[in-house]
């Protein structure tokens, strides 16, 4: 199953993000990653993360997220995890 992780950084934490970035990227390299990237604020600065993972259940995603170096460093002010369905391109579309 696919899961989207939407994490927002604490205010004024860009330096913490940059100091932890290499460890975070290594953590992602050892995961069932579909895609990931930083969220940007109005000025174009990184202010959060969007990560889509393919895992069996949400407990695995929570464990993965809690062990992310960004989370361990205290970067995030909030983290949301939601099931995700790929609709485009070449995904399935469920009629509403």
C-alpha atoms as a PDB file:
ATOM      1  CA  UNK A   1       0.000   0.000   0.000  1.00  0.00           C
ATOM      2  CA  UNK A   2       1.143   3.546  -0.660  1.00  0.00           C
ATOM      3  CA  UNK A   3       1.414   6.123   2.126  1.00  0.00           C
ATOM      4  CA  UNK A   4       2.065   9.867   1.919  1.00  0.00           C
ATOM      5  CA  UNK A   5       4.039  11.513   4.726  1.00  0.00           C
ATOM      6  CA  UNK A   6       3.510  15.283   4.960  1.00  0.00           C
ATOM      7  CA  UNK A   7       5.888  16.872   7.474  1.00  0.00           C
ATOM      8  CA  UNK A   8       6.258  20.570   8.270  1.00  0.00           C
ATOM      9  CA  UNK A   9       9.414  22.003   9.814  1.00  0.00           C
ATOM     10  CA  UNK A  10       9.525  24.092  12.964  1.00  0.00           C
ATOM     11  CA  UNK A  11       9.990  27.825  12.400  1.00  0.00           C
ATOM     12  CA  UNK A  12      13.551  29.053  11.758  1.00  0.00           C
ATOM     13  CA  UNK A  13      14.928  25.538  11.370  1.00  0.00           C
ATOM     14  CA  UNK A  14      16.511  25.664   7.907  1.00  0.00           C
ATOM     15  CA  UNK A  15      20.020  25.288   9.370  1.00  0.00           C
ATOM     16  CA  UNK A  16      18.955  22.203  11.343  1.00  0.00           C
ATOM     17  CA  UNK A  17      17.505  20.755   8.120  1.00  0.00           C
ATOM     18  CA  UNK A  18      20.728  21.402   6.230  1.00  0.00           C
ATOM     19  CA  UNK A  19      22.889  19.977   9.050  1.00  0.00           C
ATOM     20  CA  UNK A  20      20.823  16.760   9.049  1.00  0.00           C
ATOM     21  CA  UNK A  21      20.128  16.468   5.319  1.00  0.00           C
ATOM     22  CA  UNK A  22      22.811  13.905   4.373  1.00  0.00           C
ATOM     23  CA  UNK A  23      21.678  11.473   7.105  1.00  0.00           C
ATOM     24  CA  UNK A  24      18.049  12.000   6.059  1.00  0.00           C
ATOM     25  CA  UNK A  25      18.880  11.215   2.416  1.00  0.00           C
ATOM     26  CA  UNK A  26      20.755   8.058   3.456  1.00  0.00           C
ATOM     27  CA  UNK A  27      17.675   7.002   5.460  1.00  0.00           C
ATOM     28  CA  UNK A  28      15.503   7.453   2.358  1.00  0.00           C
ATOM     29  CA  UNK A  29      17.924   5.430   0.229  1.00  0.00           C
ATOM     30  CA  UNK A  30      17.276   2.418   2.487  1.00  0.00           C
ATOM     31  CA  UNK A  31      13.496   2.558   2.181  1.00  0.00           C
ATOM     32  CA  UNK A  32      10.681   1.415  -0.114  1.00  0.00           C
ATOM     33  CA  UNK A  33      10.562   4.956  -1.492  1.00  0.00           C
ATOM     34  CA  UNK A  34       8.223   5.862  -4.349  1.00  0.00           C
ATOM     35  CA  UNK A  35       9.209   9.545  -4.398  1.00  0.00           C
ATOM     36  CA  UNK A  36      10.144  12.342  -2.015  1.00  0.00           C
ATOM     37  CA  UNK A  37      11.119  15.988  -1.949  1.00  0.00           C
ATOM     38  CA  UNK A  38      11.173  19.125   0.148  1.00  0.00           C
ATOM     39  CA  UNK A  39       8.185  21.407   0.538  1.00  0.00           C
ATOM     40  CA  UNK A  40       8.929  25.078  -0.165  1.00  0.00           C
ATOM     41  CA  UNK A  41       7.712  28.266   1.487  1.00  0.00           C
ATOM     42  CA  UNK A  42       6.704  31.432  -0.396  1.00  0.00           C
ATOM     43  CA  UNK A  43      10.358  32.489  -0.721  1.00  0.00           C
ATOM     44  CA  UNK A  44      11.405  29.112  -2.132  1.00  0.00           C
ATOM     45  CA  UNK A  45      13.125  27.892   1.049  1.00  0.00           C
ATOM     46  CA  UNK A  46      12.721  24.301   2.224  1.00  0.00           C
ATOM     47  CA  UNK A  47      10.107  24.152   4.993  1.00  0.00           C
ATOM     48  CA  UNK A  48       8.978  20.524   5.122  1.00  0.00           C
ATOM     49  CA  UNK A  49       8.962  17.155   3.390  1.00  0.00           C
ATOM     50  CA  UNK A  50       6.624  15.112   1.226  1.00  0.00           C
ATOM     51  CA  UNK A  51       7.497  11.408   1.132  1.00  0.00           C
ATOM     52  CA  UNK A  52       5.536   8.618  -0.552  1.00  0.00           C
ATOM     53  CA  UNK A  53       6.421   5.099   0.600  1.00  0.00           C
ATOM     54  CA  UNK A  54       5.158   1.649  -0.307  1.00  0.00           C
ATOM     55  CA  UNK A  55       4.746  -0.365   2.904  1.00  0.00           C
ATOM     56  CA  UNK A  56       2.466  -3.047   4.293  1.00  0.00           C
ATOM     57  CA  UNK A  57       0.733  -0.935   6.943  1.00  0.00           C
ATOM     58  CA  UNK A  58       0.752   2.414   8.694  1.00  0.00           C
ATOM     59  CA  UNK A  59       2.661   1.088  11.716  1.00  0.00           C
ATOM     60  CA  UNK A  60       5.677   0.458   9.449  1.00  0.00           C
ATOM     61  CA  UNK A  61       5.406   3.999   8.088  1.00  0.00           C
ATOM     62  CA  UNK A  62       5.208   5.448  11.617  1.00  0.00           C
ATOM     63  CA  UNK A  63       8.305   3.485  12.621  1.00  0.00           C
ATOM     64  CA  UNK A  64      10.166   4.630   9.506  1.00  0.00           C
ATOM     65  CA  UNK A  65       9.146   8.256  10.082  1.00  0.00           C
ATOM     66  CA  UNK A  66      10.066   8.238  13.786  1.00  0.00           C
ATOM     67  CA  UNK A  67      13.538   6.919  12.872  1.00  0.00           C
ATOM     68  CA  UNK A  68      14.121   9.546  10.184  1.00  0.00           C
ATOM     69  CA  UNK A  69      17.156  11.671  11.178  1.00  0.00           C
ATOM     70  CA  UNK A  70      15.038  14.801  10.670  1.00  0.00           C
ATOM     71  CA  UNK A  71      12.523  13.544  13.262  1.00  0.00           C
ATOM     72  CA  UNK A  72      15.284  12.459  15.665  1.00  0.00           C
ATOM     73  CA  UNK A  73      16.869  15.926  15.378  1.00  0.00           C
ATOM     74  CA  UNK A  74      13.518  17.548  16.260  1.00  0.00           C
ATOM     75  CA  UNK A  75      13.057  19.281  12.899  1.00  0.00           C
ATOM     76  CA  UNK A  76       9.348  18.675  12.423  1.00  0.00           C
ATOM     77  CA  UNK A  77       6.543  20.620  14.080  1.00  0.00           C
ATOM     78  CA  UNK A  78       3.961  18.260  12.573  1.00  0.00           C
ATOM     79  CA  UNK A  79       3.806  14.988  10.649  1.00  0.00           C
ATOM     80  CA  UNK A  80       0.728  13.576   8.900  1.00  0.00           C
ATOM     81  CA  UNK A  81       0.580  10.089   7.412  1.00  0.00           C
ATOM     82  CA  UNK A  82      -2.212   9.148   5.016  1.00  0.00           C
ATOM     83  CA  UNK A  83      -2.955   6.246   2.737  1.00  0.00           C
ATOM     84  CA  UNK A  84      -2.398   7.223  -0.873  1.00  0.00           C
ATOM     85  CA  UNK A  85      -3.780   5.979  -4.195  1.00  0.00           C
ATOM     86  CA  UNK A  86      -1.839   6.714  -7.365  1.00  0.00           C
ATOM     87  CA  UNK A  87      -4.355   7.815  -9.991  1.00  0.00           C
ATOM     88  CA  UNK A  88      -2.155   9.531 -12.591  1.00  0.00           C
ATOM     89  CA  UNK A  89      -0.291   8.633 -14.666  1.00  0.00           C
ATOM     90  CA  UNK A  90      -1.198   5.030 -15.342  1.00  0.00           C
ATOM     91  CA  UNK A  91      -2.925   4.461 -12.027  1.00  0.00           C
ATOM     92  CA  UNK A  92      -6.373   3.305 -11.270  1.00  0.00           C
ATOM     93  CA  UNK A  93      -9.244   5.735 -11.050  1.00  0.00           C
ATOM     94  CA  UNK A  94     -12.129   4.855  -8.764  1.00  0.00           C
ATOM     95  CA  UNK A  95     -15.442   6.431  -9.671  1.00  0.00           C
ATOM     96  CA  UNK A  96     -16.890   8.644  -6.976  1.00  0.00           C
END
